Protein backbone atom coordinates (compact mmCIF):
# COMPACT_ATOMS: atom_id res chain seq x y z
CA MET A 1 11.67 3.95 -18.43
CA ALA A 2 12.92 1.51 -21.03
CA THR A 3 11.57 -0.28 -24.08
CA VAL A 4 12.25 -3.98 -23.57
CA TYR A 5 11.96 -6.97 -25.88
CA TYR A 6 11.27 -9.86 -23.45
CA THR A 7 10.98 -13.28 -25.04
CA ALA A 8 12.05 -16.91 -25.08
CA SER A 9 14.07 -18.66 -27.74
CA SER A 10 15.31 -22.07 -28.75
CA LEU A 11 19.08 -22.43 -28.80
CA ASP A 12 19.04 -21.95 -32.56
CA GLY A 13 17.13 -18.67 -32.32
CA PHE A 14 13.46 -19.39 -32.94
CA ILE A 15 10.47 -18.18 -30.90
CA VAL A 16 7.88 -20.53 -32.41
CA ASP A 17 8.31 -23.69 -34.44
CA GLU A 18 7.10 -24.29 -38.00
CA ALA A 19 3.67 -25.38 -36.69
CA ASP A 20 3.29 -22.07 -34.77
CA SER A 21 3.59 -24.06 -31.55
CA LEU A 22 5.15 -23.18 -28.21
CA ASP A 23 4.99 -26.74 -26.84
CA TRP A 24 8.79 -26.80 -26.84
CA LEU A 25 8.66 -23.83 -24.45
CA THR A 26 5.69 -24.50 -22.19
CA SER A 27 6.78 -28.06 -21.42
CA ARG A 28 9.92 -26.84 -19.59
CA ALA A 29 10.47 -25.78 -15.99
CA ILE A 30 10.93 -22.11 -15.16
CA ASP A 31 10.26 -20.26 -11.91
CA ALA A 32 7.98 -17.30 -12.66
CA ASP A 33 9.29 -15.69 -9.44
CA GLY A 34 12.94 -16.57 -10.17
CA ARG A 35 15.70 -14.64 -11.95
CA PHE A 36 14.34 -13.10 -15.14
CA GLY A 37 10.94 -14.59 -14.29
CA TYR A 38 7.70 -13.27 -15.71
CA ASP A 39 6.08 -12.29 -12.40
CA GLU A 40 8.76 -9.75 -11.50
CA PHE A 41 9.13 -8.57 -15.09
CA ILE A 42 5.43 -7.77 -15.63
CA LYS A 43 5.40 -5.55 -12.51
CA THR A 44 7.76 -3.17 -14.37
CA ILE A 45 5.57 -2.89 -17.47
CA GLY A 46 3.26 0.02 -18.21
CA ALA A 47 2.31 -0.72 -21.85
CA VAL A 48 2.59 -3.65 -24.26
CA VAL A 49 2.88 -3.87 -28.04
CA MET A 50 2.77 -6.95 -30.26
CA GLY A 51 2.20 -8.06 -33.81
CA ALA A 52 -0.98 -9.55 -35.23
CA SER A 53 0.39 -13.11 -35.23
CA THR A 54 1.25 -12.89 -31.53
CA TYR A 55 -2.16 -11.41 -30.75
CA GLU A 56 -3.94 -14.14 -32.72
CA TRP A 57 -1.88 -16.81 -30.94
CA ILE A 58 -2.93 -15.37 -27.56
CA VAL A 59 -6.60 -15.33 -28.60
CA ARG A 60 -6.41 -18.98 -29.77
CA ASN A 61 -4.51 -20.24 -26.73
CA HIS A 62 -5.88 -18.00 -23.95
CA PRO A 63 -9.49 -17.23 -24.90
CA GLY A 64 -11.69 -15.02 -22.75
CA ARG A 65 -10.67 -11.98 -20.76
CA TRP A 66 -7.65 -10.02 -22.07
CA MET A 67 -4.58 -11.19 -20.19
CA TYR A 68 -2.87 -7.81 -19.71
CA ASP A 69 -3.94 -4.99 -17.41
CA GLN A 70 -1.57 -2.62 -19.19
CA PRO A 71 -2.64 -0.53 -22.20
CA SER A 72 -2.06 -2.78 -25.21
CA TRP A 73 -1.42 -2.27 -28.92
CA VAL A 74 -1.43 -4.67 -31.84
CA LEU A 75 0.40 -3.76 -35.03
CA THR A 76 -2.00 -4.72 -37.78
CA ARG A 77 -3.79 -3.50 -40.85
CA ARG A 78 -6.70 -5.76 -39.84
CA PRO A 79 -8.37 -4.08 -36.84
CA HIS A 80 -11.26 -6.57 -37.08
CA ILE A 81 -9.03 -9.28 -35.53
CA VAL A 82 -9.43 -7.75 -32.06
CA ALA A 83 -11.78 -9.94 -30.05
CA ALA A 84 -14.90 -8.38 -28.53
CA GLY A 85 -14.18 -7.08 -25.05
CA HIS A 86 -10.42 -6.85 -25.48
CA PRO A 87 -9.23 -3.33 -24.58
CA VAL A 88 -6.65 -3.37 -27.35
CA HIS A 89 -5.63 -0.54 -29.69
CA THR A 90 -4.57 -1.30 -33.24
CA PHE A 91 -1.91 0.58 -35.15
CA ALA A 92 -0.86 0.45 -38.79
CA GLY A 93 2.04 2.71 -39.58
CA ASP A 94 5.59 3.61 -38.71
CA ILE A 95 6.44 2.48 -35.17
CA THR A 96 8.40 5.71 -34.62
CA GLU A 97 4.98 7.42 -34.59
CA LEU A 98 3.56 4.86 -32.14
CA HIS A 99 6.47 4.78 -29.70
CA PRO A 100 5.70 8.14 -28.03
CA GLN A 101 2.14 6.92 -27.38
CA LEU A 102 3.48 3.73 -25.80
CA VAL A 103 5.86 5.71 -23.58
CA SER A 104 3.07 8.08 -22.53
CA ALA A 105 0.69 5.19 -21.76
CA ALA A 106 3.42 3.43 -19.75
CA ALA A 107 3.46 6.47 -17.41
CA GLY A 108 7.06 6.07 -16.26
CA SER A 109 7.10 2.27 -16.39
CA ASP A 110 8.67 0.17 -19.14
CA VAL A 111 7.22 -0.64 -22.56
CA TRP A 112 7.20 -4.35 -23.42
CA VAL A 113 7.71 -5.31 -27.05
CA VAL A 114 6.00 -8.71 -26.72
CA GLY A 115 6.87 -9.76 -30.25
CA GLY A 116 7.10 -11.44 -32.52
CA GLY A 117 10.51 -11.14 -33.97
CA ASN A 118 9.45 -9.00 -36.93
CA VAL A 119 7.83 -6.46 -34.59
CA ALA A 120 10.93 -6.43 -32.39
CA ALA A 121 13.06 -5.96 -35.51
CA GLN A 122 11.10 -2.80 -36.40
CA PHE A 123 11.76 -1.35 -32.95
CA VAL A 124 15.43 -2.39 -32.99
CA THR A 125 15.99 -0.97 -36.48
CA ALA A 126 14.48 2.34 -35.35
CA GLY A 127 16.79 2.34 -32.30
CA LEU A 128 13.83 2.19 -29.91
CA VAL A 129 14.66 -0.99 -27.97
CA ASP A 130 16.85 -0.36 -24.93
CA GLU A 131 17.26 -3.96 -23.86
CA MET A 132 16.39 -7.50 -24.81
CA ILE A 133 15.79 -10.25 -22.28
CA VAL A 134 15.88 -13.76 -23.70
CA SER A 135 15.25 -17.05 -21.89
CA TYR A 136 16.99 -19.76 -23.91
CA ALA A 137 15.36 -23.21 -23.83
CA PRO A 138 17.58 -26.30 -24.07
CA CYS A 139 16.39 -27.36 -27.52
CA THR A 140 16.78 -26.58 -31.19
CA LEU A 141 13.84 -26.26 -33.58
CA GLY A 142 15.61 -26.16 -36.93
CA ALA A 143 13.10 -23.68 -38.33
CA GLY A 144 10.28 -21.37 -37.35
CA ALA A 145 9.96 -17.67 -36.58
CA PRO A 146 13.32 -16.11 -35.71
CA VAL A 147 13.76 -14.31 -32.41
CA LEU A 148 15.16 -11.20 -34.13
CA PRO A 149 15.43 -11.23 -37.95
CA VAL A 150 17.62 -8.17 -38.28
CA ARG A 151 21.33 -7.58 -37.83
CA SER A 152 22.10 -5.77 -34.59
CA GLU A 153 24.82 -5.59 -31.95
CA TRP A 154 24.21 -6.20 -28.24
CA THR A 155 26.17 -6.06 -25.00
CA LEU A 156 25.54 -8.72 -22.36
CA VAL A 157 24.53 -7.02 -19.08
CA GLU A 158 23.70 -10.05 -16.93
CA SER A 159 22.75 -13.70 -17.11
CA ALA A 160 21.38 -16.40 -14.86
CA VAL A 161 19.90 -19.87 -14.84
CA ASN A 162 16.20 -20.25 -14.11
CA GLY A 163 14.88 -23.80 -14.17
CA ASP A 164 15.69 -25.33 -17.54
CA PHE A 165 16.56 -21.95 -19.06
CA VAL A 166 19.65 -19.81 -19.45
CA CYS A 167 18.43 -16.21 -19.31
CA ALA A 168 20.28 -13.13 -20.50
CA ARG A 169 19.72 -9.38 -20.44
CA TRP A 170 21.26 -7.55 -23.39
CA GLN A 171 21.55 -3.82 -24.11
CA LEU A 172 21.45 -2.56 -27.67
CA THR A 173 24.88 -1.26 -28.67
CA ARG A 174 24.33 2.19 -30.12
């Protein structure tokens, strides 16, 4: 069991641009079944956690049925943002109190810190992220939401090319 921050980034370290758009990401080729691909990754996940901005982006861009089968949490002080029919828990508090619930819900599988970067930073600062997997797109955005807005040290474990992306698995240096 591990807690994993799995995300994509521009070369200059942003996960969304200033317009809150992922067009720079979704317009590029990646093999979901390839190295570091989503299809294999999601099979290892037992619970997901994300911030309110990420949740709201999902609701705007993927309306309808909730996209994850795994138990899901949104970090927010606004529980009313959860769309009707979404089996999503909300949590407002210290993530060190939430993490044991995530681990329990994952039932031996991994916990996915979906993001955004501020949520991942909370988990990293608390020493709760075991690894970070980043797929780097061949572009720069110049501004936007940073992939991880906190100082931390990482060790490269493996890397590969998948489509247009250079993907890397990092372990938090403790």
